[in-house]
Amino acid sequence: MMVTDLRRCRLSELRRRALQRRATEVKLSSEEEEQLLRNLEKKETEYMRLQTHKIGIDDFELLTLIGKGAFGENVLVKLNYDEFDLF
């Protein structure tokens, strides 16, 4: 999880630098460049908000019942959108 967050941060920084580079190439004024960077930040924030999705029971597919106990059941499940991870 932490690696994914670091990767997102790094990609966000790379996008910001690329935008700054393009802004200097086309010789935008500092006000226009600041406006572009503010818009990028808003878009990045919206993207991060959409990426944070709380996982619920509907996100899993029940594979098999492992056992029952006094406090509940242990089941093997698979994420609906991931082919390889079993929980």
N, C-alpha and C. Protein backbone atom coordinates (compact mmCIF):
# COMPACT_ATOMS: atom_id res chain seq x y z
N MET A 1 0.82 -1.19 0.00
CA MET A 1 0.00 0.00 0.00
C MET A 1 0.87 1.26 0.00
N MET A 2 1.91 1.27 0.83
CA MET A 2 2.76 2.44 0.91
C MET A 2 3.53 2.66 -0.39
N VAL A 3 3.93 1.58 -1.04
CA VAL A 3 4.63 1.68 -2.32
C VAL A 3 3.74 2.34 -3.35
N THR A 4 2.47 1.95 -3.37
CA THR A 4 1.51 2.53 -4.31
C THR A 4 1.36 4.03 -4.06
N ASP A 5 1.28 4.43 -2.79
CA ASP A 5 1.16 5.85 -2.47
C ASP A 5 2.40 6.61 -2.90
N LEU A 6 3.58 6.02 -2.68
CA LEU A 6 4.81 6.68 -3.11
C LEU A 6 4.87 6.80 -4.62
N ARG A 7 4.40 5.77 -5.32
CA ARG A 7 4.39 5.81 -6.78
C ARG A 7 3.45 6.89 -7.28
N ARG A 8 2.29 7.01 -6.65
CA ARG A 8 1.34 8.06 -7.04
C ARG A 8 1.94 9.44 -6.83
N CYS A 9 2.62 9.61 -5.70
CA CYS A 9 3.26 10.89 -5.39
C CYS A 9 4.32 11.21 -6.44
N ARG A 10 5.12 10.23 -6.77
CA ARG A 10 6.19 10.42 -7.75
C ARG A 10 5.61 10.76 -9.13
N LEU A 11 4.56 10.06 -9.53
CA LEU A 11 3.93 10.33 -10.83
C LEU A 11 3.31 11.73 -10.85
N SER A 12 2.72 12.12 -9.74
CA SER A 12 2.14 13.45 -9.64
C SER A 12 3.22 14.51 -9.79
N GLU A 13 4.36 14.30 -9.13
CA GLU A 13 5.47 15.24 -9.25
C GLU A 13 6.02 15.30 -10.67
N LEU A 14 6.09 14.15 -11.34
CA LEU A 14 6.56 14.12 -12.73
C LEU A 14 5.61 14.87 -13.65
N ARG A 15 4.31 14.72 -13.43
CA ARG A 15 3.33 15.47 -14.24
C ARG A 15 3.47 16.97 -14.01
N ARG A 16 3.70 17.35 -12.76
CA ARG A 16 3.86 18.77 -12.44
C ARG A 16 5.10 19.34 -13.13
N ARG A 17 6.21 18.63 -13.07
CA ARG A 17 7.44 19.10 -13.72
C ARG A 17 7.27 19.19 -15.23
N ALA A 18 6.58 18.21 -15.82
CA ALA A 18 6.36 18.23 -17.27
C ALA A 18 5.51 19.44 -17.65
N LEU A 19 4.51 19.75 -16.85
CA LEU A 19 3.67 20.91 -17.13
C LEU A 19 4.48 22.21 -17.00
N GLN A 20 5.32 22.29 -15.99
CA GLN A 20 6.17 23.47 -15.83
C GLN A 20 7.13 23.62 -17.01
N ARG A 21 7.68 22.50 -17.46
CA ARG A 21 8.60 22.52 -18.60
C ARG A 21 7.88 23.02 -19.85
N ARG A 22 6.67 22.49 -20.08
CA ARG A 22 5.91 22.93 -21.26
C ARG A 22 5.53 24.40 -21.18
N ALA A 23 5.21 24.85 -19.96
CA ALA A 23 4.83 26.25 -19.78
C ALA A 23 6.00 27.18 -20.10
N THR A 24 7.20 26.79 -19.72
CA THR A 24 8.36 27.62 -20.05
C THR A 24 8.70 27.55 -21.53
N GLU A 25 8.45 26.40 -22.16
CA GLU A 25 8.72 26.27 -23.59
C GLU A 25 7.84 27.19 -24.42
N VAL A 26 6.57 27.32 -24.02
CA VAL A 26 5.67 28.20 -24.78
C VAL A 26 5.67 29.62 -24.23
N LYS A 27 6.53 29.86 -23.24
CA LYS A 27 6.74 31.20 -22.69
C LYS A 27 5.46 31.83 -22.14
N LEU A 28 4.81 31.09 -21.23
CA LEU A 28 3.64 31.63 -20.54
C LEU A 28 4.09 32.59 -19.46
N SER A 29 3.23 33.53 -19.13
CA SER A 29 3.55 34.44 -18.03
C SER A 29 3.48 33.67 -16.71
N SER A 30 4.06 34.25 -15.68
CA SER A 30 4.08 33.57 -14.39
C SER A 30 2.66 33.38 -13.84
N GLU A 31 1.76 34.32 -14.11
CA GLU A 31 0.38 34.20 -13.65
C GLU A 31 -0.33 33.04 -14.35
N GLU A 32 -0.09 32.93 -15.66
CA GLU A 32 -0.71 31.83 -16.41
C GLU A 32 -0.15 30.48 -15.97
N GLU A 33 1.15 30.45 -15.69
CA GLU A 33 1.77 29.21 -15.22
C GLU A 33 1.21 28.82 -13.85
N GLU A 34 1.06 29.79 -12.96
CA GLU A 34 0.48 29.51 -11.65
C GLU A 34 -0.94 28.99 -11.77
N GLN A 35 -1.72 29.57 -12.68
CA GLN A 35 -3.10 29.11 -12.90
C GLN A 35 -3.11 27.67 -13.40
N LEU A 36 -2.21 27.35 -14.32
CA LEU A 36 -2.11 25.96 -14.82
C LEU A 36 -1.76 25.00 -13.69
N LEU A 37 -0.82 25.40 -12.85
CA LEU A 37 -0.42 24.53 -11.74
C LEU A 37 -1.54 24.36 -10.72
N ARG A 38 -2.32 25.42 -10.47
CA ARG A 38 -3.47 25.31 -9.58
C ARG A 38 -4.51 24.35 -10.15
N ASN A 39 -4.75 24.46 -11.46
CA ASN A 39 -5.70 23.54 -12.10
C ASN A 39 -5.22 22.10 -12.03
N LEU A 40 -3.92 21.90 -12.24
CA LEU A 40 -3.36 20.56 -12.13
C LEU A 40 -3.55 20.01 -10.72
N GLU A 41 -3.30 20.85 -9.72
CA GLU A 41 -3.46 20.42 -8.33
C GLU A 41 -4.90 20.03 -8.03
N LYS A 42 -5.85 20.80 -8.56
CA LYS A 42 -7.27 20.47 -8.36
C LYS A 42 -7.61 19.13 -9.01
N LYS A 43 -7.09 18.90 -10.21
CA LYS A 43 -7.34 17.65 -10.91
C LYS A 43 -6.70 16.47 -10.18
N GLU A 44 -5.48 16.67 -9.65
CA GLU A 44 -4.80 15.61 -8.89
C GLU A 44 -5.59 15.27 -7.63
N THR A 45 -6.10 16.30 -6.95
CA THR A 45 -6.89 16.08 -5.74
C THR A 45 -8.16 15.30 -6.06
N GLU A 46 -8.83 15.68 -7.12
CA GLU A 46 -10.05 14.98 -7.53
C GLU A 46 -9.75 13.53 -7.90
N TYR A 47 -8.64 13.30 -8.59
CA TYR A 47 -8.23 11.95 -8.97
C TYR A 47 -7.98 11.11 -7.72
N MET A 48 -7.26 11.66 -6.75
CA MET A 48 -6.97 10.93 -5.52
C MET A 48 -8.25 10.62 -4.76
N ARG A 49 -9.19 11.55 -4.75
CA ARG A 49 -10.46 11.32 -4.07
C ARG A 49 -11.21 10.16 -4.72
N LEU A 50 -11.19 10.11 -6.04
CA LEU A 50 -11.87 9.02 -6.74
C LEU A 50 -11.15 7.69 -6.55
N GLN A 51 -9.83 7.72 -6.34
CA GLN A 51 -9.07 6.48 -6.17
C GLN A 51 -9.27 5.85 -4.79
N THR A 52 -9.60 6.67 -3.79
CA THR A 52 -9.80 6.12 -2.45
C THR A 52 -11.20 5.57 -2.36
N HIS A 53 -11.30 4.28 -2.46
CA HIS A 53 -12.58 3.58 -2.44
C HIS A 53 -12.57 2.63 -1.25
N LYS A 54 -13.55 2.74 -0.38
CA LYS A 54 -13.62 1.84 0.76
C LYS A 54 -14.09 0.46 0.29
N ILE A 55 -13.39 -0.54 0.74
CA ILE A 55 -13.72 -1.90 0.35
C ILE A 55 -14.85 -2.42 1.22
N GLY A 56 -15.83 -3.02 0.60
CA GLY A 56 -16.96 -3.60 1.31
C GLY A 56 -17.11 -5.07 0.94
N ILE A 57 -18.08 -5.71 1.53
CA ILE A 57 -18.30 -7.14 1.30
C ILE A 57 -18.66 -7.43 -0.16
N ASP A 58 -19.26 -6.47 -0.83
CA ASP A 58 -19.64 -6.66 -2.23
C ASP A 58 -18.43 -6.69 -3.17
N ASP A 59 -17.27 -6.25 -2.68
CA ASP A 59 -16.06 -6.24 -3.50
C ASP A 59 -15.37 -7.60 -3.54
N PHE A 60 -15.88 -8.58 -2.80
CA PHE A 60 -15.25 -9.89 -2.71
C PHE A 60 -16.17 -10.99 -3.23
N GLU A 61 -15.53 -12.03 -3.73
CA GLU A 61 -16.24 -13.23 -4.16
C GLU A 61 -15.88 -14.35 -3.19
N LEU A 62 -16.88 -14.99 -2.59
CA LEU A 62 -16.67 -16.08 -1.65
C LEU A 62 -16.21 -17.32 -2.41
N LEU A 63 -15.04 -17.86 -2.02
CA LEU A 63 -14.52 -19.07 -2.68
C LEU A 63 -14.85 -20.32 -1.88
N THR A 64 -14.53 -20.32 -0.60
CA THR A 64 -14.81 -21.49 0.22
C THR A 64 -14.85 -21.12 1.70
N LEU A 65 -15.62 -21.86 2.46
CA LEU A 65 -15.68 -21.69 3.91
C LEU A 65 -14.54 -22.50 4.51
N ILE A 66 -13.69 -21.83 5.27
CA ILE A 66 -12.55 -22.50 5.88
C ILE A 66 -12.95 -23.09 7.23
N GLY A 67 -13.70 -22.35 8.01
CA GLY A 67 -14.11 -22.87 9.31
C GLY A 67 -15.07 -21.92 10.00
N LYS A 68 -15.74 -22.46 11.04
CA LYS A 68 -16.67 -21.66 11.83
C LYS A 68 -16.18 -21.65 13.27
N GLY A 69 -16.38 -20.53 13.93
CA GLY A 69 -15.98 -20.41 15.32
C GLY A 69 -17.03 -19.67 16.11
N ALA A 70 -16.73 -19.42 17.35
CA ALA A 70 -17.68 -18.74 18.23
C ALA A 70 -17.92 -17.29 17.81
N PHE A 71 -16.95 -16.69 17.15
CA PHE A 71 -17.06 -15.29 16.78
C PHE A 71 -17.39 -15.06 15.32
N GLY A 72 -17.54 -16.12 14.54
CA GLY A 72 -17.87 -15.93 13.13
C GLY A 72 -17.28 -17.01 12.26
N GLU A 73 -17.23 -16.72 10.97
CA GLU A 73 -16.74 -17.69 9.99
C GLU A 73 -15.44 -17.19 9.38
N ASN A 74 -14.60 -18.14 9.00
CA ASN A 74 -13.39 -17.84 8.23
C ASN A 74 -13.62 -18.34 6.82
N VAL A 75 -13.48 -17.42 5.86
CA VAL A 75 -13.73 -17.79 4.47
C VAL A 75 -12.56 -17.35 3.61
N LEU A 76 -12.35 -18.08 2.54
CA LEU A 76 -11.37 -17.69 1.53
C LEU A 76 -12.12 -16.90 0.47
N VAL A 77 -11.64 -15.69 0.21
CA VAL A 77 -12.32 -14.80 -0.73
C VAL A 77 -11.32 -14.27 -1.75
N LYS A 78 -11.86 -13.75 -2.83
CA LYS A 78 -11.06 -13.15 -3.90
C LYS A 78 -11.68 -11.80 -4.21
N LEU A 79 -10.82 -10.79 -4.42
CA LEU A 79 -11.33 -9.49 -4.86
C LEU A 79 -11.95 -9.63 -6.24
N ASN A 80 -13.08 -9.02 -6.46
CA ASN A 80 -13.77 -9.13 -7.75
C ASN A 80 -12.95 -8.57 -8.90
N TYR A 81 -12.15 -7.54 -8.65
CA TYR A 81 -11.41 -6.90 -9.73
C TYR A 81 -9.93 -7.28 -9.75
N ASP A 82 -9.56 -8.31 -9.01
CA ASP A 82 -8.15 -8.75 -8.99
C ASP A 82 -8.12 -10.26 -9.14
N GLU A 83 -7.40 -10.74 -10.14
CA GLU A 83 -7.39 -12.16 -10.45
C GLU A 83 -6.51 -12.99 -9.52
N PHE A 84 -5.50 -12.37 -8.90
CA PHE A 84 -4.46 -13.14 -8.26
C PHE A 84 -4.47 -13.15 -6.74
N ASP A 85 -4.94 -12.09 -6.09
CA ASP A 85 -4.87 -12.00 -4.64
C ASP A 85 -6.05 -12.72 -3.99
N LEU A 86 -5.71 -13.62 -3.08
CA LEU A 86 -6.72 -14.31 -2.27
C LEU A 86 -6.55 -13.84 -0.84
N PHE A 87 -7.67 -13.71 -0.12
CA PHE A 87 -7.64 -13.26 1.27
C PHE A 87 -8.39 -14.24 2.14
